[in-house]
Amino acid sequence: MLKILIVDDSEVDRLLMEGLLKQSIGFEVIWAENGRQALDRIEEWKVDIVVTDLQMPEMDGLELVQQVRQIHPQLPVILTTGVGSEHIAAEALNQGAAGYVPKPQLAKLLDPTVRNALSLLNKQRNYNQLLNRAKLAQFKFSLENDPAHFRPLIDFCEKIMRGMVKLDRIERLRTAVAIEHALHNALYRGNLEIGSDCQIGLDDPKLDKNVESLIRERLKTAPYKDRKIRVAVTLKKNFISIRIRDDGPGFDPKKVGDWSQNSSRGIILMKSFMDEVTYNDQGNEVVMERRWGATPSKPQKKEAISENHSEQPRLLGKLNCNKTGKEIAMTVDKFMLGRQKSCHLVIPFQSIAENHCLLIFDDGAWYAKNMSDQEQGTLVNGKPIEYNKIESGDQLSIGTFNYHIEY
């Protein structure tokens, strides 16, 4: 019987999730109150999947994801998040989580999200002996507007990855989830032009009746019914590129991935699981890329800001500390500043929040997301910010530390 570990300091939420999962045949539910207790439970019960709250005492969900990633790299972790914590969830996804479910949508999304993760992980066909000798794989597909085509295509890509490269199953799962969400967006948001005001959750099998009726109608009506989804996959030993294009009119790609919108959950997952996600000017084609080296299963460490790499990483910008004169290279597109050891730039003072500020590189520009609940929070040019674009030359202030950003 599959064992699911629920980690939450709220007994009410634990009982809610346990009740939802026990309705599913074949799940044995185990629980823990915090991350430290969860690590003991994992060793004791040999669980198959972990469902954890993000904000807990002793060890929070982000720290638990990091620990599981290092100690049990084959164990998938699903996050549950409260309202307003999506930006922290995105950081946890970067650290190795396999997915997340907003707490207001537990009843709808928890069971299918868990089942989806397990189904993607437990495919048994093995082509490794042949594919391990492959140097390059390229495939092109032209798909009708039928989601039944998606899972076989994703399963096919996952099996090719499994045989060609040394990615562990969690990394393959994360890539597969990104592909699935991109295909889902191409069908419903692209070819069928279902607006973002209509909720269509990939993990939610229940659709609003009006939305379901609209989808059925457009699948039978021109021009929607005749549109295709074109997929091009390129896979090497250390690189995968997936290009997905729909025949819809497209949309403004600059508005993609606004974390304040419920419809952006798939975009958050795509950007968190892939190294690079770019759209064409029309907004009807997305290209997702992943690169990995000798140890792809480990989360990216602070060595990314080191000045002494044997291979020069892609430089996206620099932070210059006014107090110390130190120059810090920013080579990752999500750059965390704060007191916590997992931050890319660690500021070891109690006056600094554990996760104080998240810098995000998107469409050639840097944006600053305040993640501190302190009164002053993060300042840009002396003014408090929530989520703001920052220009080259702007001053970023955290506590008594001031940094000039250049890019």
Protein backbone atom coordinates (compact mmCIF):
# COMPACT_ATOMS: atom_id res chain seq x y z
CA MET A 1 0.00 0.00 0.00
CA LEU A 2 1.28 3.48 -0.89
CA LYS A 3 2.32 5.55 2.14
CA ILE A 4 1.67 9.31 2.13
CA LEU A 5 3.24 11.53 4.80
CA ILE A 6 1.24 14.67 5.70
CA VAL A 7 3.29 17.38 7.42
CA ASP A 8 1.40 20.29 9.02
CA ASP A 9 1.44 21.94 12.45
CA SER A 10 -2.33 22.47 12.24
CA GLU A 11 -4.29 19.43 13.43
CA VAL A 12 -7.38 20.70 11.60
CA ASP A 13 -5.52 20.86 8.28
CA ARG A 14 -3.89 17.44 8.87
CA LEU A 15 -7.27 15.86 9.49
CA LEU A 16 -8.73 17.59 6.42
CA MET A 17 -5.96 16.32 4.13
CA GLU A 18 -6.03 12.87 5.72
CA GLY A 19 -9.78 12.67 5.10
CA LEU A 20 -9.39 13.75 1.48
CA LEU A 21 -6.63 11.22 0.78
CA LYS A 22 -8.22 8.33 2.69
CA GLN A 23 -11.16 8.56 0.33
CA SER A 24 -8.74 7.24 -2.30
CA ILE A 25 -8.29 3.48 -2.27
CA GLY A 26 -4.75 2.30 -1.65
CA PHE A 27 -3.31 5.24 0.34
CA GLU A 28 -2.01 4.81 3.88
CA VAL A 29 -1.71 8.19 5.59
CA ILE A 30 1.00 9.05 8.15
CA TRP A 31 1.41 12.50 9.71
CA ALA A 32 4.02 14.76 11.29
CA GLU A 33 3.77 18.18 12.97
CA ASN A 34 6.91 19.76 11.52
CA GLY A 35 9.84 19.16 9.19
CA ARG A 36 12.15 17.60 11.79
CA GLN A 37 9.53 15.08 12.81
CA ALA A 38 8.83 14.43 9.13
CA LEU A 39 12.44 13.36 8.47
CA ASP A 40 12.13 10.75 11.25
CA ARG A 41 8.82 9.52 9.83
CA ILE A 42 10.36 9.16 6.36
CA GLU A 43 13.12 6.92 7.74
CA GLU A 44 10.73 4.92 9.90
CA TRP A 45 7.89 4.35 7.42
CA LYS A 46 9.67 4.45 4.02
CA VAL A 47 6.97 6.73 2.62
CA ASP A 48 6.25 7.07 -1.11
CA ILE A 49 5.32 10.77 -1.22
CA VAL A 50 5.27 13.77 1.16
CA VAL A 51 2.57 16.45 1.36
CA THR A 52 3.78 19.36 3.49
CA ASP A 53 2.60 22.75 4.64
CA LEU A 54 4.97 25.60 3.81
CA GLN A 55 4.90 27.61 7.06
CA MET A 56 5.66 25.56 10.21
CA PRO A 57 7.78 25.94 13.36
CA GLU A 58 11.06 24.05 13.96
CA MET A 59 11.62 23.33 10.27
CA ASP A 60 9.39 24.88 7.61
CA GLY A 61 8.34 23.38 4.30
CA LEU A 62 11.13 25.07 2.33
CA GLU A 63 13.80 23.63 4.65
CA LEU A 64 12.09 20.21 4.52
CA VAL A 65 12.19 20.25 0.71
CA GLN A 66 15.91 21.03 0.82
CA GLN A 67 16.62 18.25 3.33
CA VAL A 68 14.56 15.65 1.46
CA ARG A 69 16.24 16.66 -1.80
CA GLN A 70 19.66 15.94 -0.28
CA ILE A 71 18.85 12.85 1.81
CA HIS A 72 16.06 11.22 -0.25
CA PRO A 73 16.44 12.57 -3.81
CA GLN A 74 13.93 10.04 -5.21
CA LEU A 75 11.10 11.09 -2.85
CA PRO A 76 8.58 13.59 -4.30
CA VAL A 77 7.32 16.45 -2.09
CA ILE A 78 4.03 18.28 -2.72
CA LEU A 79 3.57 21.67 -1.02
CA THR A 80 0.35 23.12 0.38
CA THR A 81 0.33 26.91 0.61
CA GLY A 82 -1.83 29.59 2.16
CA VAL A 83 -2.99 32.69 0.35
CA GLY A 84 -0.14 35.08 -0.39
CA SER A 85 2.69 32.55 -0.12
CA GLU A 86 2.95 31.70 -3.82
CA HIS A 87 6.29 33.50 -4.15
CA ILE A 88 7.77 31.34 -1.37
CA ALA A 89 6.24 28.26 -3.00
CA ALA A 90 8.01 29.19 -6.23
CA GLU A 91 11.34 29.25 -4.35
CA ALA A 92 10.55 25.82 -2.85
CA LEU A 93 9.80 24.52 -6.35
CA ASN A 94 13.23 25.77 -7.39
CA GLN A 95 14.74 23.87 -4.46
CA GLY A 96 13.23 20.56 -5.58
CA ALA A 97 9.52 20.29 -4.72
CA ALA A 98 7.47 18.27 -7.22
CA GLY A 99 4.36 20.46 -7.12
CA TYR A 100 2.09 22.60 -4.96
CA VAL A 101 -1.59 23.00 -4.06
CA PRO A 102 -3.13 26.22 -2.68
CA LYS A 103 -4.93 25.44 0.60
CA PRO A 104 -8.23 26.99 -0.53
CA GLN A 105 -8.28 24.38 -3.32
CA LEU A 106 -7.31 21.28 -1.31
CA ALA A 107 -10.66 19.57 -1.83
CA LYS A 108 -10.33 19.86 -5.61
CA LEU A 109 -6.59 19.57 -6.24
CA LEU A 110 -4.92 17.51 -3.51
CA ASP A 111 -5.93 14.00 -4.59
CA PRO A 112 -5.38 14.50 -8.36
CA THR A 113 -2.05 16.30 -7.76
CA VAL A 114 -0.77 13.41 -5.63
CA ARG A 115 -2.04 10.83 -8.13
CA ASN A 116 -0.53 12.74 -11.04
CA ALA A 117 2.89 12.85 -9.36
CA LEU A 118 2.80 9.14 -8.55
CA SER A 119 1.63 8.13 -12.02
CA LEU A 120 4.45 10.09 -13.67
CA LEU A 121 6.99 8.51 -11.31
CA ASN A 122 5.91 4.89 -11.52
CA LYS A 123 6.09 4.15 -15.25
CA GLN A 124 7.99 0.91 -15.67
CA ARG A 125 9.10 0.56 -19.28
CA ASN A 126 12.82 0.73 -19.67
CA TYR A 127 14.72 1.66 -22.81
CA ASN A 128 17.91 2.63 -20.96
CA GLN A 129 20.28 0.11 -22.50
CA LEU A 130 19.75 1.47 -26.01
CA LEU A 131 19.09 5.13 -25.22
CA ASN A 132 22.15 5.45 -23.00
CA ARG A 133 24.20 5.27 -26.20
CA ALA A 134 22.21 8.01 -27.96
CA LYS A 135 23.91 11.39 -28.48
CA LEU A 136 20.99 13.38 -29.92
CA ALA A 137 17.25 12.87 -30.12
CA GLN A 138 14.91 15.15 -32.08
CA PHE A 139 11.17 14.75 -32.54
CA LYS A 140 8.37 16.83 -34.05
CA PHE A 141 4.67 16.27 -33.41
CA SER A 142 1.50 17.83 -34.79
CA LEU A 143 -1.39 17.25 -32.39
CA GLU A 144 -5.13 17.73 -32.73
CA ASN A 145 -7.07 19.51 -29.99
CA ASP A 146 -7.34 16.39 -27.86
CA PRO A 147 -5.75 16.20 -24.38
CA ALA A 148 -5.66 12.40 -24.74
CA HIS A 149 -2.50 12.91 -26.86
CA PHE A 150 -0.67 14.73 -24.08
CA ARG A 151 0.09 11.94 -21.62
CA PRO A 152 1.55 9.53 -24.25
CA LEU A 153 3.77 12.34 -25.56
CA ILE A 154 4.94 13.27 -22.03
CA ASP A 155 5.48 9.61 -21.17
CA PHE A 156 7.53 9.20 -24.35
CA CYS A 157 9.73 12.23 -23.52
CA GLU A 158 10.22 10.98 -19.95
CA LYS A 159 11.37 7.59 -21.15
CA ILE A 160 13.81 9.12 -23.61
CA MET A 161 15.20 11.31 -20.81
CA ARG A 162 15.45 8.32 -18.49
CA GLY A 163 17.58 6.43 -20.96
CA MET A 164 19.74 9.24 -22.32
CA VAL A 165 20.66 11.35 -19.30
CA LYS A 166 21.50 10.95 -15.62
CA LEU A 167 18.52 12.86 -14.25
CA ASP A 168 16.87 11.32 -11.18
CA ARG A 169 13.16 10.62 -11.31
CA ILE A 170 12.22 13.83 -9.46
CA GLU A 171 13.99 15.97 -12.06
CA ARG A 172 12.31 14.00 -14.84
CA LEU A 173 8.98 14.51 -13.08
CA ARG A 174 9.54 18.27 -12.81
CA THR A 175 10.35 18.47 -16.54
CA ALA A 176 7.30 16.34 -17.38
CA VAL A 177 5.02 18.58 -15.29
CA ALA A 178 6.32 21.68 -17.10
CA ILE A 179 5.61 20.08 -20.50
CA GLU A 180 2.13 19.05 -19.42
CA HIS A 181 1.20 22.56 -18.27
CA ALA A 182 2.56 24.10 -21.49
CA LEU A 183 0.46 21.70 -23.61
CA HIS A 184 -2.57 22.41 -21.46
CA ASN A 185 -2.13 26.18 -21.98
CA ALA A 186 -1.64 25.71 -25.74
CA LEU A 187 -4.92 23.81 -26.04
CA TYR A 188 -7.27 25.74 -23.77
CA ARG A 189 -5.78 29.24 -23.58
CA GLY A 190 -4.33 29.18 -27.11
CA ASN A 191 -6.32 27.17 -29.66
CA LEU A 192 -9.69 27.26 -27.86
CA GLU A 193 -9.20 30.84 -26.57
CA ILE A 194 -10.63 30.11 -23.12
CA GLY A 195 -9.96 33.34 -21.20
CA SER A 196 -8.02 33.53 -17.94
CA ASP A 197 -11.24 34.49 -16.13
CA CYS A 198 -12.37 30.86 -16.65
CA GLN A 199 -10.75 28.46 -14.18
CA ILE A 200 -9.30 25.40 -15.95
CA GLY A 201 -7.01 23.55 -13.55
CA LEU A 202 -4.80 20.83 -15.01
CA ASP A 203 -5.12 18.79 -11.80
CA ASP A 204 -8.80 19.57 -11.34
CA PRO A 205 -11.05 17.06 -13.15
CA LYS A 206 -14.19 19.08 -12.37
CA LEU A 207 -14.99 22.00 -14.66
CA ASP A 208 -17.66 24.63 -14.30
CA LYS A 209 -20.61 23.58 -16.44
CA ASN A 210 -20.49 26.78 -18.50
CA VAL A 211 -16.77 26.34 -19.16
CA GLU A 212 -17.26 22.66 -20.04
CA SER A 213 -20.04 23.59 -22.46
CA LEU A 214 -17.87 26.30 -24.06
CA ILE A 215 -15.01 23.82 -24.57
CA ARG A 216 -17.32 21.24 -26.20
CA GLU A 217 -18.77 23.89 -28.50
CA ARG A 218 -15.40 25.20 -29.66
CA LEU A 219 -14.03 21.71 -30.28
CA LYS A 220 -16.74 21.40 -32.95
CA THR A 221 -16.67 24.96 -34.34
CA ALA A 222 -14.34 26.65 -36.85
CA PRO A 223 -11.76 28.07 -36.58
CA TYR A 224 -11.04 26.47 -33.18
CA LYS A 225 -11.61 22.83 -34.17
CA ASP A 226 -9.10 22.90 -37.04
CA ARG A 227 -6.19 24.32 -35.07
CA LYS A 228 -3.11 22.22 -34.22
CA ILE A 229 -0.51 22.11 -31.48
CA ARG A 230 3.02 21.69 -32.84
CA VAL A 231 5.70 20.29 -30.55
CA ALA A 232 9.44 20.07 -31.25
CA VAL A 233 11.72 18.25 -28.79
CA THR A 234 15.53 18.33 -28.86
CA LEU A 235 17.40 16.22 -26.32
CA LYS A 236 21.13 15.85 -25.74
CA LYS A 237 23.13 14.37 -22.87
CA ASN A 238 23.00 17.64 -20.93
CA PHE A 239 20.22 19.64 -22.57
CA ILE A 240 16.52 19.47 -23.44
CA SER A 241 14.51 22.01 -25.41
CA ILE A 242 10.74 21.83 -25.89
CA ARG A 243 9.06 24.21 -28.35
CA ILE A 244 5.25 24.28 -28.22
CA ARG A 245 3.24 26.41 -30.66
CA ASP A 246 -0.52 26.74 -30.99
CA ASP A 247 -2.57 28.27 -33.82
CA GLY A 248 -4.40 30.73 -31.58
CA PRO A 249 -4.13 34.53 -31.82
CA GLY A 250 -1.69 34.64 -28.92
CA PHE A 251 -1.51 37.19 -26.08
CA ASP A 252 0.85 39.71 -24.53
CA PRO A 253 3.77 37.60 -23.22
CA LYS A 254 4.78 40.40 -20.85
CA LYS A 255 1.67 39.61 -18.79
CA VAL A 256 2.56 35.93 -18.47
CA GLY A 257 3.33 34.66 -15.00
CA ASP A 258 1.75 37.36 -12.82
CA TRP A 259 1.81 35.64 -9.42
CA SER A 260 -1.24 37.56 -8.27
CA GLN A 261 -3.43 35.71 -10.78
CA ASN A 262 -4.89 32.27 -9.99
CA SER A 263 -4.58 31.27 -13.65
CA SER A 264 -0.77 31.59 -13.48
CA ARG A 265 -0.18 28.40 -11.46
CA GLY A 266 1.01 26.51 -14.53
CA ILE A 267 3.36 29.37 -15.52
CA ILE A 268 4.87 29.39 -12.01
CA LEU A 269 5.56 25.67 -12.28
CA MET A 270 7.02 25.98 -15.80
CA LYS A 271 9.37 28.81 -14.83
CA SER A 272 10.38 27.05 -11.60
CA PHE A 273 11.06 23.65 -13.16
CA MET A 274 12.85 24.83 -16.32
CA ASP A 275 16.01 26.92 -16.60
CA GLU A 276 14.56 29.21 -19.26
CA VAL A 277 11.01 29.88 -20.47
CA THR A 278 10.55 32.34 -23.35
CA TYR A 279 7.61 33.34 -25.55
CA ASN A 280 7.58 34.71 -29.08
CA ASP A 281 6.30 38.25 -29.67
CA GLN A 282 2.86 37.01 -30.68
CA GLY A 283 2.55 34.93 -27.51
CA ASN A 284 1.47 31.68 -29.21
CA GLU A 285 4.80 29.85 -28.90
CA VAL A 286 6.77 28.94 -25.80
CA VAL A 287 10.30 27.51 -25.66
CA MET A 288 11.38 25.76 -22.44
CA GLU A 289 14.97 24.69 -21.83
CA ARG A 290 16.76 22.64 -19.17
CA ARG A 291 20.50 22.17 -18.80
CA TRP A 292 22.34 19.98 -16.34
CA GLY A 293 25.85 18.95 -15.48
CA ALA A 294 27.43 16.04 -13.65
CA THR A 295 25.20 16.44 -10.56
CA PRO A 296 21.82 17.71 -11.76
CA SER A 297 19.88 16.23 -8.84
CA LYS A 298 21.24 18.73 -6.31
CA PRO A 299 19.63 22.15 -5.93
CA GLN A 300 21.61 25.13 -7.13
CA LYS A 301 23.95 26.32 -4.38
CA LYS A 302 25.42 29.69 -3.57
CA GLU A 303 28.48 28.82 -5.67
CA ALA A 304 26.39 30.39 -8.45
CA ILE A 305 27.57 33.81 -7.15
CA SER A 306 31.23 32.81 -6.98
CA GLU A 307 33.73 34.66 -9.13
CA ASN A 308 35.96 31.63 -9.73
CA HIS A 309 34.10 29.10 -11.89
CA SER A 310 36.12 27.06 -14.34
CA GLU A 311 33.25 27.51 -16.80
CA GLN A 312 31.95 31.07 -16.89
CA PRO A 313 28.18 31.00 -16.21
CA ARG A 314 25.73 33.32 -17.92
CA LEU A 315 26.01 36.76 -16.25
CA LEU A 316 22.61 38.41 -15.77
CA GLY A 317 23.71 41.27 -13.54
CA LYS A 318 25.86 42.40 -10.62
CA LEU A 319 25.22 43.59 -7.08
CA ASN A 320 27.81 46.01 -5.71
CA CYS A 321 27.84 46.38 -1.91
CA ASN A 322 28.39 50.03 -0.95
CA LYS A 323 29.69 49.10 2.52
CA THR A 324 32.24 46.42 1.59
CA GLY A 325 32.85 47.18 -2.07
CA LYS A 326 32.28 43.51 -2.88
CA GLU A 327 30.87 42.71 -6.32
CA ILE A 328 28.46 39.78 -6.52
CA ALA A 329 27.68 38.21 -9.88
CA MET A 330 24.08 37.16 -10.48
CA THR A 331 24.03 34.10 -12.73
CA VAL A 332 20.61 32.64 -11.87
CA ASP A 333 17.26 34.18 -12.78
CA LYS A 334 15.82 33.81 -9.26
CA PHE A 335 18.18 35.28 -6.66
CA MET A 336 17.26 35.18 -2.95
CA LEU A 337 18.73 37.61 -0.39
CA GLY A 338 18.35 37.17 3.37
CA ARG A 339 19.66 35.55 6.54
CA GLN A 340 18.75 31.95 5.70
CA LYS A 341 21.68 29.75 4.67
CA SER A 342 19.90 28.66 1.49
CA CYS A 343 19.80 32.26 0.18
CA HIS A 344 22.09 33.05 -2.71
CA LEU A 345 23.34 36.12 -0.83
CA VAL A 346 23.48 35.50 2.93
CA ILE A 347 23.37 38.59 5.20
CA PRO A 348 24.11 37.07 8.65
CA PHE A 349 22.38 39.57 10.95
CA GLN A 350 19.34 39.00 13.18
CA SER A 351 17.82 42.28 11.95
CA ILE A 352 17.54 40.76 8.47
CA ALA A 353 14.57 38.50 7.66
CA GLU A 354 15.36 34.87 6.79
CA ASN A 355 14.05 35.35 3.23
CA HIS A 356 14.18 39.10 2.81
CA CYS A 357 14.04 39.78 -0.90
CA LEU A 358 13.68 37.78 -4.11
CA LEU A 359 15.17 39.18 -7.32
CA ILE A 360 13.62 37.78 -10.52
CA PHE A 361 15.10 38.14 -14.01
CA ASP A 362 12.36 38.17 -16.63
CA ASP A 363 12.32 39.38 -20.25
CA GLY A 364 15.70 41.11 -19.94
CA ALA A 365 14.93 43.03 -16.73
CA TRP A 366 15.25 42.48 -12.97
CA TYR A 367 12.29 42.70 -10.60
CA ALA A 368 12.44 42.87 -6.78
CA LYS A 369 9.85 41.05 -4.65
CA ASN A 370 9.71 42.09 -0.97
CA MET A 371 9.46 38.95 1.18
CA SER A 372 9.92 40.57 4.59
CA ASP A 373 7.12 41.46 7.00
CA GLN A 374 9.31 44.10 8.64
CA GLU A 375 8.02 47.69 8.56
CA GLN A 376 10.67 48.99 6.18
CA GLY A 377 11.07 45.77 4.20
CA THR A 378 13.05 46.08 0.98
CA LEU A 379 13.81 49.58 -0.28
CA VAL A 380 14.62 50.61 -3.85
CA ASN A 381 16.07 54.12 -4.06
CA GLY A 382 14.87 54.69 -0.50
CA LYS A 383 11.23 53.70 -1.13
CA PRO A 384 9.45 50.52 0.12
CA ILE A 385 8.40 48.11 -2.63
CA GLU A 386 6.18 45.05 -2.99
CA TYR A 387 6.96 43.77 -6.49
CA ASN A 388 8.73 46.35 -8.61
CA LYS A 389 10.93 46.51 -11.67
CA ILE A 390 14.43 47.75 -10.86
CA GLU A 391 16.60 49.57 -13.35
CA SER A 392 20.36 49.30 -13.75
CA GLY A 393 21.93 51.75 -11.31
CA ASP A 394 19.10 51.58 -8.75
CA GLN A 395 20.00 51.19 -5.07
CA LEU A 396 18.61 48.17 -3.22
CA SER A 397 18.58 48.61 0.59
CA ILE A 398 18.29 45.72 3.06
CA GLY A 399 18.74 46.79 6.68
CA THR A 400 21.92 48.87 6.81
CA PHE A 401 23.28 47.25 3.63
CA ASN A 402 22.98 49.09 0.34
CA TYR A 403 23.61 47.50 -3.04
CA HIS A 404 23.74 49.01 -6.50
CA ILE A 405 22.46 46.74 -9.23
CA GLU A 406 24.03 46.74 -12.68
CA TYR A 407 22.81 44.89 -15.76
